Amino acid sequence: MIFLVNLARVVFAPLLQEFIAVFQIGEGTVGIIATLAWLGSALPRLPTGWILTRVPRHYVILATGGVLTAAAAFTASATSVEMVGAGALLMGLSSGVYFVAANPLVSELYPQRVGWALGVHGMMSQLAAVAAAPLVTLVLTFFFEWQVVFVVIAAAAAIVTVALYLAARTTDLPDAGTEDRDLLGAVRSEWRVVLLGVVVVGATGFVWQGLFNFYELYMGTKGLDTATAKNLLTVIFAAGVPAFFVSGRLADQLPRVPYILTIIGSFTVAVLVLTVTRGLVPILVLTAIIGYVIHSLFPAIDTYLLDTLPDETRASAYAWYSGGMMVVQATGSSAVGMLRETGLAYDAIFTQLALGLAVVVGGLVALQQTGRLPQ
């Protein structure tokens, strides 16, 4: 299920060039389409947290399967850029609901190995990101219609939803969240932990969203052909597959806040180096490094949050974090698209974004050194 809900968010990135050609639109407009998928993922997260104070987690997860099936079918029927944008928003909704319900459930299924469990779960999510570009290439090669991509997603979502329902009926599910019934009380008591998560992932994700959604077009400005640029997008996601597994295990063993700050500092440096890098081999190596580093962040921050938050506030506080960080990062794609249409080069755009992130990292390190960050 996590494979499909993440595919619903990332599949739009390798389709941006196709949308530009089919609908005769610019980079600013396709940037908005990509943003809508991630904005859709942000919007239902807090309402989902409220629902989880009343409905078992696995019921909510099953509902996401139905939403994804219907949303993908709608997108497959799109005949205008407006319909594609609406479909992106709806597909994003399913992922937002899923992550808020499923991540706490996974951490509660394996309370002694939270980092490991979230790493395995996230690794399957990352495999979807790896598969997105090859799936789009395969469909366009054999069927010549981008709509087929969404037909495949709709059919798969329907099948997996039924399978998940059958699995849930035969599983002894945890009841750790039965006392989590106060959405506002959760954020009042855990606001420092939630705020740290929002700042870290929101700021880093803002840069990441703009980078990966425009990576194919960005690499074209560095002299790489279209096929190579598209394959680099696969490399950046493929590097994240081992990152989820390894980082989840490291998050179980290392001091978590220093580890998280090291990750976002490394990502900042890697993006800055990318802006001044030329040549296929150096770009290929740097692409893999960026992919590994950024995807190490997600299991690390989830392990920190879900293992730190107590049973009585876990899902509610996580929903506040999840909604907050997604709203911040979702606008990264549209920001890059708009800056691009003003005439700025990609190198200049990502230099400015990385320098802005460096300021955030510096501030967090200073707070860490003075003991002001929740450990």
Foldseek 3Di string as FASTA:
>chain_A
DLLLLLLLLQLLLLCLVVCCVPAVDALLLSLLLSLLLLLLLQPCLQVLLQVVLPDALLVQLLVLLVQLLVLLLQCLPDDHSVSSSVSSSSSSNSNNNNVLSPLLQQCQVCVPQSLQSQLVVVLSNLVSQLCSLVLQVVCCVPPVDSSVSSVVSSVVSVVVSVVSVVVVVPDDGDPLQNLQNDLVVLCVVCVQLLVVLLLLLQLLLLLVSQCLSCQLVQVVVLVDDNVLSSVLSSLLSVLLNVLSNVLSNVLSPDDQPVVLLVLLVQLLVLLLVLLVDHDDVVNSVSSSVNSSSVSSNVSSSSCVQSSPRGSRNRSSSVSSSSSSSSVSNSCSSSVSSVVVVVPDRPSVVSNVSSVVSVVSSVVSVVCVVVVNHDD
